[in-house]
């Protein structure tokens, strides 16, 4: 990657003070810093890997206090309370710091308090009055599973920003139609893959580590487990698939709400799928992600709805066959029968047919997987993402 010329260097502060998306932050800032040296990540340490950002040489400003993550407090209520206090103090510290030396751009990834106490808007208003340009990444147009409850506050946020970055055209259309956001201030920049480059491992090695037989077809559902991702529905699909392909295995890897996980376990048992479903209901460290993905033959994304999904781009980067519902960013990213198979949510028969077809046809799995990998490298690499993001910064800095 080539760095942009000195006269175009911008002082950029990428803001995720609570370190909500450490992996995304790392990939984005690593790519941005290679092109624009004066880019800094504003985030506390990642509580599961204290030296994570330093290991990848991501330049970071944690704020006045970076202590809670390092204390490894087990009690969630206490930890969250202390993190909120730490966050408020760091926000105040930033206000003082930027009064002395303001950045050109503040790129906000998350505003964690805005749904309860919108003090962050106060901070951003002061920054804007001082001439700082504000960019906000719309990871979700509205918070998942909340309906329109938070529409008023997010309407204020979207109006306030100089530029909004969406990961899909559908998200842009939602902003225009639901929030009347001018299309001219919205940039569509993809999410990008993660962990695909952690380390190399063969399919055979991965299966040995997971205790899987070499010759069994494995279908993988990977990631944080939440109701909107359609896993309960997919288990109904899988029950029919196993009647035709009893040798196939569904591997579920990820964690979620305890009550929801228990509901899934009961459903697996109730459908008689204990033998054909291999579940890893736990937090999966990022170093294990390549192991699960390389062990699998097919990746599935049976989501009910989605604006974008970093999990999809990660899947594409591993060059395996993908089957996904034809919703949101999935239908924008994948070409049906070219880079993956797209199926209408609720069409159990088509899901069953597609999975059986891929399980029985390794050559088709290879064709789809290689096409997806090529597409990802051409259009969704972090180098491309950084280039487009810097174009956004430069455009609004001239406005």
Foldseek 3Di string as FASTA:
>chain_A
DEADDPVLAFQEEEEDQACPPVQLVLLQQLLLCRHHVNYEYAYAADLVDRCVNVVSPGHYDNAPDRPLSVVPDPDPVVSVVVSVVVSVRRLVRVLVVCVVPNTQEYEYEDDVCLVPDNVVVVSVVVNVVVNHAYEYECQDLDDPPPPCPCVVSSLVVLVSHQAYEYQFVVSLVCCCVVNVRPSVRYHHFHRFAGLLVVDDDALVRLCVVVVHDPPAAEEEEEDADDVQQCPLVVVVLVLVLCVVVVRHAYEYAEEYDPVVVVVVVVSCVVSVNPVRYHYHHDHDPSNCVVSVLNNHQEYERLGNEHQHDNVVLNSLQSLWEYEYECYHPVVVLDDDLQQYHYHHRPPSVVVSVVVNVCSVDSVSGNRNSVRSNVSCVVRPHSNNSSVSVSVSSSVSSVD
